[in-house]
Amino acid sequence: MRKLIYFLVLISIVFVSCDSRKNQNDLLQEAISEYNKNQPKVETISFYPIEYTEVTTDTLISNKVKVHIKNYSLEDETILLTKTDNHTKYHRVFESEISIKKNNKNILTTKISAKDFATTNDIFWDNATLEQVWVNQEISTVEEINLEMSFVNPLDKTFKLYRMSVNQNGKQQTYLIEEQS
């Protein structure tokens, strides 16, 4: 009889314990999901490069020709790369300022950007930006300075490489030398 009483007490404890109350883990999960419902969505915005970038290069050719190039990112112009519900990614647009002097006399002062090269029939230029401009020292002479200009389309990861030849009078010729579509 005693065993029966112990058995009944044990069964009643089991039934009382199973009253469908939530355990600590369930309460925590419910509190977290309720908190997340009440929070506004946070949108993150990222830029490449992260902040303003500027690279200045001075090149001297035969102690007679000085080429000053300033490549820099624009703060107010960007290319939208991706946009989701909570993340937006941009690529900054770049420009270059070029100054060429021969015997301290100004031959050329210009600004270069992708807008200068954009043509209506090439979709590459819709989202292109200047990547950099540099002096090709291997083929430049005192009579003719050769600048290489790299443009990139960060959306489809294509590029175009141009060469600008500037003679000693400042006359320019620009032509495409390589592209990847």
C-alpha atoms as a PDB file:
ATOM      1  CA  MET A   1       0.000   0.000   0.000  1.00  0.00           C
ATOM      2  CA  ARG A   2       2.844   2.298   0.815  1.00  0.00           C
ATOM      3  CA  LYS A   3       4.325   1.741  -2.646  1.00  0.00           C
ATOM      4  CA  LEU A   4       1.017   2.661  -4.206  1.00  0.00           C
ATOM      5  CA  ILE A   5       0.905   5.958  -2.291  1.00  0.00           C
ATOM      6  CA  TYR A   6       4.466   6.788  -3.364  1.00  0.00           C
ATOM      7  CA  PHE A   7       3.563   5.902  -6.908  1.00  0.00           C
ATOM      8  CA  LEU A   8       0.452   8.150  -6.852  1.00  0.00           C
ATOM      9  CA  VAL A   9       2.401  11.040  -5.312  1.00  0.00           C
ATOM     10  CA  LEU A  10       5.075  10.652  -7.985  1.00  0.00           C
ATOM     11  CA  ILE A  11       2.476  10.596 -10.777  1.00  0.00           C
ATOM     12  CA  SER A  12       0.730  13.669  -9.371  1.00  0.00           C
ATOM     13  CA  ILE A  13       4.058  15.548  -9.193  1.00  0.00           C
ATOM     14  CA  VAL A  14       4.723  14.655 -12.829  1.00  0.00           C
ATOM     15  CA  PHE A  15       1.272  15.896 -13.893  1.00  0.00           C
ATOM     16  CA  VAL A  16       1.610  19.103 -11.883  1.00  0.00           C
ATOM     17  CA  SER A  17       5.054  19.745 -13.437  1.00  0.00           C
ATOM     18  CA  CYS A  18       3.642  19.390 -16.956  1.00  0.00           C
ATOM     19  CA  ASP A  19       1.253  22.313 -16.757  1.00  0.00           C
ATOM     20  CA  SER A  20       2.523  23.683 -20.125  1.00  0.00           C
ATOM     21  CA  ARG A  21       4.371  26.607 -18.593  1.00  0.00           C
ATOM     22  CA  LYS A  22       7.190  27.993 -20.713  1.00  0.00           C
ATOM     23  CA  ASN A  23      10.737  27.217 -19.745  1.00  0.00           C
ATOM     24  CA  GLN A  24      13.513  29.802 -19.448  1.00  0.00           C
ATOM     25  CA  ASN A  25      14.808  29.225 -23.001  1.00  0.00           C
ATOM     26  CA  ASP A  26      11.357  29.713 -24.558  1.00  0.00           C
ATOM     27  CA  LEU A  27      10.799  32.911 -22.568  1.00  0.00           C
ATOM     28  CA  LEU A  28      14.176  34.265 -23.703  1.00  0.00           C
ATOM     29  CA  GLN A  29      13.476  33.483 -27.373  1.00  0.00           C
ATOM     30  CA  GLU A  30      10.071  35.133 -27.144  1.00  0.00           C
ATOM     31  CA  ALA A  31      11.535  38.251 -25.511  1.00  0.00           C
ATOM     32  CA  ILE A  32      14.217  38.534 -28.202  1.00  0.00           C
ATOM     33  CA  SER A  33      11.762  38.207 -31.052  1.00  0.00           C
ATOM     34  CA  GLU A  34       9.400  40.753 -29.467  1.00  0.00           C
ATOM     35  CA  TYR A  35      12.325  43.168 -29.040  1.00  0.00           C
ATOM     36  CA  ASN A  36      13.395  42.716 -32.673  1.00  0.00           C
ATOM     37  CA  LYS A  37       9.859  43.433 -33.902  1.00  0.00           C
ATOM     38  CA  ASN A  38       9.852  46.773 -32.100  1.00  0.00           C
ATOM     39  CA  GLN A  39      13.273  47.905 -33.379  1.00  0.00           C
ATOM     40  CA  PRO A  40      13.527  49.940 -36.587  1.00  0.00           C
ATOM     41  CA  LYS A  41      15.606  48.431 -39.383  1.00  0.00           C
ATOM     42  CA  VAL A  42      19.122  49.834 -39.448  1.00  0.00           C
ATOM     43  CA  GLU A  43      20.464  50.516 -42.913  1.00  0.00           C
ATOM     44  CA  THR A  44      24.230  50.473 -43.363  1.00  0.00           C
ATOM     45  CA  ILE A  45      25.889  52.470 -46.104  1.00  0.00           C
ATOM     46  CA  SER A  46      29.424  51.728 -47.239  1.00  0.00           C
ATOM     47  CA  PHE A  47      31.743  53.490 -49.659  1.00  0.00           C
ATOM     48  CA  TYR A  48      34.799  52.426 -51.615  1.00  0.00           C
ATOM     49  CA  PRO A  49      37.190  53.940 -50.827  1.00  0.00           C
ATOM     50  CA  ILE A  50      35.927  54.509 -47.307  1.00  0.00           C
ATOM     51  CA  GLU A  51      37.020  58.145 -47.145  1.00  0.00           C
ATOM     52  CA  TYR A  52      38.338  60.909 -49.359  1.00  0.00           C
ATOM     53  CA  THR A  53      41.416  59.744 -51.257  1.00  0.00           C
ATOM     54  CA  GLU A  54      44.037  61.871 -52.935  1.00  0.00           C
ATOM     55  CA  VAL A  55      47.306  60.850 -54.586  1.00  0.00           C
ATOM     56  CA  THR A  56      49.648  63.491 -55.962  1.00  0.00           C
ATOM     57  CA  THR A  57      52.539  62.593 -58.252  1.00  0.00           C
ATOM     58  CA  ASP A  58      55.260  64.857 -59.581  1.00  0.00           C
ATOM     59  CA  THR A  59      57.364  63.516 -62.445  1.00  0.00           C
ATOM     60  CA  LEU A  60      60.466  65.167 -63.838  1.00  0.00           C
ATOM     61  CA  ILE A  61      61.672  64.254 -67.346  1.00  0.00           C
ATOM     62  CA  SER A  62      65.228  65.259 -68.341  1.00  0.00           C
ATOM     63  CA  ASN A  63      65.166  68.144 -65.851  1.00  0.00           C
ATOM     64  CA  LYS A  64      63.124  70.108 -68.394  1.00  0.00           C
ATOM     65  CA  VAL A  65      59.561  68.806 -68.204  1.00  0.00           C
ATOM     66  CA  LYS A  66      57.599  68.645 -64.953  1.00  0.00           C
ATOM     67  CA  VAL A  67      54.310  66.729 -64.864  1.00  0.00           C
ATOM     68  CA  HIS A  68      52.062  67.223 -61.838  1.00  0.00           C
ATOM     69  CA  ILE A  69      49.120  64.802 -61.489  1.00  0.00           C
ATOM     70  CA  LYS A  70      46.563  64.848 -58.684  1.00  0.00           C
ATOM     71  CA  ASN A  71      44.148  61.873 -58.609  1.00  0.00           C
ATOM     72  CA  TYR A  72      41.329  62.312 -56.084  1.00  0.00           C
ATOM     73  CA  SER A  73      37.891  61.007 -55.158  1.00  0.00           C
ATOM     74  CA  LEU A  74      34.837  63.230 -55.231  1.00  0.00           C
ATOM     75  CA  GLU A  75      32.804  63.527 -52.047  1.00  0.00           C
ATOM     76  CA  ASP A  76      29.477  64.219 -53.732  1.00  0.00           C
ATOM     77  CA  GLU A  77      29.529  61.831 -56.713  1.00  0.00           C
ATOM     78  CA  THR A  78      29.145  58.075 -56.345  1.00  0.00           C
ATOM     79  CA  ILE A  79      28.135  54.999 -58.309  1.00  0.00           C
ATOM     80  CA  LEU A  80      25.524  52.750 -56.713  1.00  0.00           C
ATOM     81  CA  LEU A  81      26.892  49.186 -56.631  1.00  0.00           C
ATOM     82  CA  THR A  82      24.324  47.234 -54.596  1.00  0.00           C
ATOM     83  CA  LYS A  83      21.226  48.008 -52.567  1.00  0.00           C
ATOM     84  CA  THR A  84      19.365  45.614 -50.283  1.00  0.00           C
ATOM     85  CA  ASP A  85      16.855  46.175 -47.476  1.00  0.00           C
ATOM     86  CA  ASN A  86      19.551  46.935 -44.931  1.00  0.00           C
ATOM     87  CA  HIS A  87      22.764  47.640 -46.894  1.00  0.00           C
ATOM     88  CA  THR A  88      23.762  50.059 -49.648  1.00  0.00           C
ATOM     89  CA  LYS A  89      27.206  50.021 -51.254  1.00  0.00           C
ATOM     90  CA  TYR A  90      28.707  52.866 -53.307  1.00  0.00           C
ATOM     91  CA  HIS A  91      31.911  53.403 -55.307  1.00  0.00           C
ATOM     92  CA  ARG A  92      33.276  56.947 -55.260  1.00  0.00           C
ATOM     93  CA  VAL A  93      33.896  58.773 -58.544  1.00  0.00           C
ATOM     94  CA  PHE A  94      37.455  59.952 -59.261  1.00  0.00           C
ATOM     95  CA  GLU A  95      38.948  62.852 -61.210  1.00  0.00           C
ATOM     96  CA  SER A  96      42.481  63.975 -62.024  1.00  0.00           C
ATOM     97  CA  GLU A  97      44.087  67.362 -62.403  1.00  0.00           C
ATOM     98  CA  ILE A  98      47.084  67.457 -64.739  1.00  0.00           C
ATOM     99  CA  SER A  99      49.651  70.187 -65.176  1.00  0.00           C
ATOM    100  CA  ILE A 100      52.595  69.927 -67.595  1.00  0.00           C
ATOM    101  CA  LYS A 101      55.367  72.528 -67.600  1.00  0.00           C
ATOM    102  CA  LYS A 102      58.417  72.701 -69.827  1.00  0.00           C
ATOM    103  CA  ASN A 103      61.250  74.988 -68.690  1.00  0.00           C
ATOM    104  CA  ASN A 104      58.798  76.454 -66.125  1.00  0.00           C
ATOM    105  CA  LYS A 105      56.395  77.431 -68.926  1.00  0.00           C
ATOM    106  CA  ASN A 106      52.890  75.999 -68.654  1.00  0.00           C
ATOM    107  CA  ILE A 107      52.143  73.688 -71.618  1.00  0.00           C
ATOM    108  CA  LEU A 108      48.926  72.042 -70.426  1.00  0.00           C
ATOM    109  CA  THR A 109      46.527  72.334 -67.500  1.00  0.00           C
ATOM    110  CA  THR A 110      43.458  70.124 -67.595  1.00  0.00           C
ATOM    111  CA  LYS A 111      41.037  68.093 -65.527  1.00  0.00           C
ATOM    112  CA  ILE A 112      40.130  64.533 -66.555  1.00  0.00           C
ATOM    113  CA  SER A 113      37.057  62.539 -65.559  1.00  0.00           C
ATOM    114  CA  ALA A 114      34.974  59.735 -67.029  1.00  0.00           C
ATOM    115  CA  LYS A 115      32.398  62.313 -68.156  1.00  0.00           C
ATOM    116  CA  ASP A 116      34.936  63.655 -70.656  1.00  0.00           C
ATOM    117  CA  PHE A 117      35.126  60.268 -72.390  1.00  0.00           C
ATOM    118  CA  ALA A 118      31.486  59.200 -72.182  1.00  0.00           C
ATOM    119  CA  THR A 119      29.891  58.342 -75.491  1.00  0.00           C
ATOM    120  CA  THR A 120      26.190  57.777 -75.935  1.00  0.00           C
ATOM    121  CA  ASN A 121      26.509  54.438 -77.717  1.00  0.00           C
ATOM    122  CA  ASP A 122      28.776  52.685 -75.174  1.00  0.00           C
ATOM    123  CA  ILE A 123      27.062  51.498 -71.969  1.00  0.00           C
ATOM    124  CA  PHE A 124      30.459  51.139 -70.276  1.00  0.00           C
ATOM    125  CA  TRP A 125      30.404  54.864 -69.510  1.00  0.00           C
ATOM    126  CA  ASP A 126      27.010  54.766 -67.737  1.00  0.00           C
ATOM    127  CA  ASN A 127      28.709  53.688 -64.491  1.00  0.00           C
ATOM    128  CA  ALA A 128      32.385  54.324 -65.210  1.00  0.00           C
ATOM    129  CA  THR A 129      34.872  56.343 -63.210  1.00  0.00           C
ATOM    130  CA  LEU A 130      38.467  57.344 -63.658  1.00  0.00           C
ATOM    131  CA  GLU A 131      40.749  55.018 -61.760  1.00  0.00           C
ATOM    132  CA  GLN A 132      44.068  56.829 -62.145  1.00  0.00           C
ATOM    133  CA  VAL A 133      46.309  58.836 -64.460  1.00  0.00           C
ATOM    134  CA  TRP A 134      50.077  58.400 -64.604  1.00  0.00           C
ATOM    135  CA  VAL A 135      53.061  59.276 -66.784  1.00  0.00           C
ATOM    136  CA  ASN A 136      54.341  56.456 -68.971  1.00  0.00           C
ATOM    137  CA  GLN A 137      58.021  57.204 -68.416  1.00  0.00           C
ATOM    138  CA  GLU A 138      59.230  54.453 -70.743  1.00  0.00           C
ATOM    139  CA  ILE A 139      57.907  56.147 -73.879  1.00  0.00           C
ATOM    140  CA  SER A 140      57.780  59.796 -72.782  1.00  0.00           C
ATOM    141  CA  THR A 141      60.360  62.251 -74.070  1.00  0.00           C
ATOM    142  CA  VAL A 142      60.955  65.969 -73.678  1.00  0.00           C
ATOM    143  CA  GLU A 143      59.113  66.519 -76.971  1.00  0.00           C
ATOM    144  CA  GLU A 144      56.137  64.251 -76.202  1.00  0.00           C
ATOM    145  CA  ILE A 145      54.675  63.328 -72.810  1.00  0.00           C
ATOM    146  CA  ASN A 146      52.547  60.170 -72.711  1.00  0.00           C
ATOM    147  CA  LEU A 147      49.923  59.839 -69.996  1.00  0.00           C
ATOM    148  CA  GLU A 148      48.064  56.602 -69.312  1.00  0.00           C
ATOM    149  CA  MET A 149      44.463  56.858 -68.085  1.00  0.00           C
ATOM    150  CA  SER A 150      42.635  53.920 -66.583  1.00  0.00           C
ATOM    151  CA  PHE A 151      38.830  53.912 -66.367  1.00  0.00           C
ATOM    152  CA  VAL A 152      36.840  51.250 -64.540  1.00  0.00           C
ATOM    153  CA  ASN A 153      33.179  50.292 -64.436  1.00  0.00           C
ATOM    154  CA  PRO A 154      32.793  48.850 -60.914  1.00  0.00           C
ATOM    155  CA  LEU A 155      29.365  47.358 -61.665  1.00  0.00           C
ATOM    156  CA  ASP A 156      30.453  44.962 -64.381  1.00  0.00           C
ATOM    157  CA  LYS A 157      34.178  44.972 -63.489  1.00  0.00           C
ATOM    158  CA  THR A 158      35.362  46.111 -66.916  1.00  0.00           C
ATOM    159  CA  PHE A 159      38.027  48.669 -67.760  1.00  0.00           C
ATOM    160  CA  LYS A 160      39.408  50.834 -70.554  1.00  0.00           C
ATOM    161  CA  LEU A 161      42.970  52.089 -70.813  1.00  0.00           C
ATOM    162  CA  TYR A 162      43.665  55.259 -72.793  1.00  0.00           C
ATOM    163  CA  ARG A 163      46.869  57.026 -73.747  1.00  0.00           C
ATOM    164  CA  MET A 164      47.099  60.789 -74.076  1.00  0.00           C
ATOM    165  CA  SER A 165      50.107  62.124 -75.967  1.00  0.00           C
ATOM    166  CA  VAL A 166      50.915  65.781 -75.349  1.00  0.00           C
ATOM    167  CA  ASN A 167      53.479  67.498 -77.586  1.00  0.00           C
ATOM    168  CA  GLN A 168      55.709  70.393 -76.520  1.00  0.00           C
ATOM    169  CA  ASN A 169      53.075  72.896 -77.709  1.00  0.00           C
ATOM    170  CA  GLY A 170      50.327  71.351 -75.551  1.00  0.00           C
ATOM    171  CA  LYS A 171      48.463  69.657 -78.408  1.00  0.00           C
ATOM    172  CA  GLN A 172      46.796  66.435 -77.214  1.00  0.00           C
ATOM    173  CA  GLN A 173      45.934  63.175 -78.904  1.00  0.00           C
ATOM    174  CA  THR A 174      43.978  60.566 -76.973  1.00  0.00           C
ATOM    175  CA  TYR A 175      43.335  56.998 -78.065  1.00  0.00           C
ATOM    176  CA  LEU A 176      42.191  53.697 -76.625  1.00  0.00           C
ATOM    177  CA  ILE A 177      44.994  51.165 -76.131  1.00  0.00           C
ATOM    178  CA  GLU A 178      43.270  48.373 -74.173  1.00  0.00           C
ATOM    179  CA  GLU A 179      39.846  47.367 -72.906  1.00  0.00           C
ATOM    180  CA  GLN A 180      38.202  44.486 -71.129  1.00  0.00           C
ATOM    181  CA  SER A 181      34.481  44.037 -71.626  1.00  0.00           C
END
